[in-house]
Amino acid sequence: MSPTPDDHPVPERSLAEINADIRRLFARAEGRLSDAERIRHATLLGEWASAIRASVVPAA
């Protein structure tokens, strides 16, 4: 069964915005994340992965 548009909800933020947040996180932490920053990073990666999935156009 082919996925429908509802299978992949549109993300609230663009990939560029999410990527910028990830880069800022690492810049502030100078590459060494605290436990709280690791949790934030994991959240951002989940958001980024969702945005990637939503941007994929299924083949015809």
C-alpha atoms as a PDB file:
ATOM      1  CA  MET A   1       0.000   0.000   0.000  1.00  0.00           C
ATOM      2  CA  SER A   2       1.371   3.414  -0.934  1.00  0.00           C
ATOM      3  CA  PRO A   3       1.899   5.976   1.804  1.00  0.00           C
ATOM      4  CA  THR A   4      -0.513   8.866   1.878  1.00  0.00           C
ATOM      5  CA  PRO A   5       0.405  12.458   2.723  1.00  0.00           C
ATOM      6  CA  ASP A   6      -1.063  11.895   6.196  1.00  0.00           C
ATOM      7  CA  ASP A   7       1.537   9.154   6.840  1.00  0.00           C
ATOM      8  CA  HIS A   8       4.254  11.827   6.946  1.00  0.00           C
ATOM      9  CA  PRO A   9       3.041  14.983   8.679  1.00  0.00           C
ATOM     10  CA  VAL A  10       4.620  18.242   7.604  1.00  0.00           C
ATOM     11  CA  PRO A  11       7.310  19.298  10.105  1.00  0.00           C
ATOM     12  CA  GLU A  12       6.857  22.574  11.934  1.00  0.00           C
ATOM     13  CA  ARG A  13      10.393  23.721  11.068  1.00  0.00           C
ATOM     14  CA  SER A  14      12.569  23.404   8.004  1.00  0.00           C
ATOM     15  CA  LEU A  15      15.599  21.150   7.761  1.00  0.00           C
ATOM     16  CA  ALA A  16      17.767  24.259   7.580  1.00  0.00           C
ATOM     17  CA  GLU A  17      16.372  25.594  10.870  1.00  0.00           C
ATOM     18  CA  ILE A  18      16.866  22.293  12.647  1.00  0.00           C
ATOM     19  CA  ASN A  19      20.385  21.916  11.248  1.00  0.00           C
ATOM     20  CA  ALA A  20      21.234  25.456  12.395  1.00  0.00           C
ATOM     21  CA  ASP A  21      20.088  24.564  15.933  1.00  0.00           C
ATOM     22  CA  ILE A  22      22.279  21.443  15.918  1.00  0.00           C
ATOM     23  CA  ARG A  23      25.275  23.486  14.745  1.00  0.00           C
ATOM     24  CA  ARG A  24      24.672  26.170  17.400  1.00  0.00           C
ATOM     25  CA  LEU A  25      24.410  23.507  20.085  1.00  0.00           C
ATOM     26  CA  PHE A  26      27.820  22.101  19.173  1.00  0.00           C
ATOM     27  CA  ALA A  27      29.364  25.563  18.763  1.00  0.00           C
ATOM     28  CA  ARG A  28      28.234  26.614  22.258  1.00  0.00           C
ATOM     29  CA  ALA A  29      29.413  23.340  23.755  1.00  0.00           C
ATOM     30  CA  GLU A  30      32.728  23.508  21.882  1.00  0.00           C
ATOM     31  CA  GLY A  31      32.116  19.945  20.696  1.00  0.00           C
ATOM     32  CA  ARG A  32      31.643  18.468  24.189  1.00  0.00           C
ATOM     33  CA  LEU A  33      28.016  18.014  25.127  1.00  0.00           C
ATOM     34  CA  SER A  34      26.742  17.859  28.697  1.00  0.00           C
ATOM     35  CA  ASP A  35      24.046  15.341  29.597  1.00  0.00           C
ATOM     36  CA  ALA A  36      21.342  17.985  29.089  1.00  0.00           C
ATOM     37  CA  GLU A  37      22.861  18.976  25.745  1.00  0.00           C
ATOM     38  CA  ARG A  38      22.947  15.325  24.666  1.00  0.00           C
ATOM     39  CA  ILE A  39      19.241  15.064  25.396  1.00  0.00           C
ATOM     40  CA  ARG A  40      18.613  18.242  23.379  1.00  0.00           C
ATOM     41  CA  HIS A  41      20.778  16.864  20.548  1.00  0.00           C
ATOM     42  CA  ALA A  42      18.793  13.598  20.511  1.00  0.00           C
ATOM     43  CA  THR A  43      15.550  15.596  20.353  1.00  0.00           C
ATOM     44  CA  LEU A  44      16.887  17.682  17.469  1.00  0.00           C
ATOM     45  CA  LEU A  45      18.024  14.549  15.617  1.00  0.00           C
ATOM     46  CA  GLY A  46      14.544  13.070  15.980  1.00  0.00           C
ATOM     47  CA  GLU A  47      13.008  16.272  14.660  1.00  0.00           C
ATOM     48  CA  TRP A  48      15.530  16.310  11.789  1.00  0.00           C
ATOM     49  CA  ALA A  49      14.773  12.672  10.897  1.00  0.00           C
ATOM     50  CA  SER A  50      11.039  13.412  10.853  1.00  0.00           C
ATOM     51  CA  ALA A  51      11.625  16.391   8.575  1.00  0.00           C
ATOM     52  CA  ILE A  52      13.746  14.220   6.247  1.00  0.00           C
ATOM     53  CA  ARG A  53      11.016  11.567   6.068  1.00  0.00           C
ATOM     54  CA  ALA A  54       8.407  14.239   5.327  1.00  0.00           C
ATOM     55  CA  SER A  55      10.545  15.644   2.506  1.00  0.00           C
ATOM     56  CA  VAL A  56      10.851  12.314   0.663  1.00  0.00           C
ATOM     57  CA  VAL A  57       8.611  12.097  -2.388  1.00  0.00           C
ATOM     58  CA  PRO A  58       7.398   8.548  -3.009  1.00  0.00           C
ATOM     59  CA  ALA A  59       8.137   7.035  -6.399  1.00  0.00           C
ATOM     60  CA  ALA A  60       5.230   6.727  -8.777  1.00  0.00           C
END
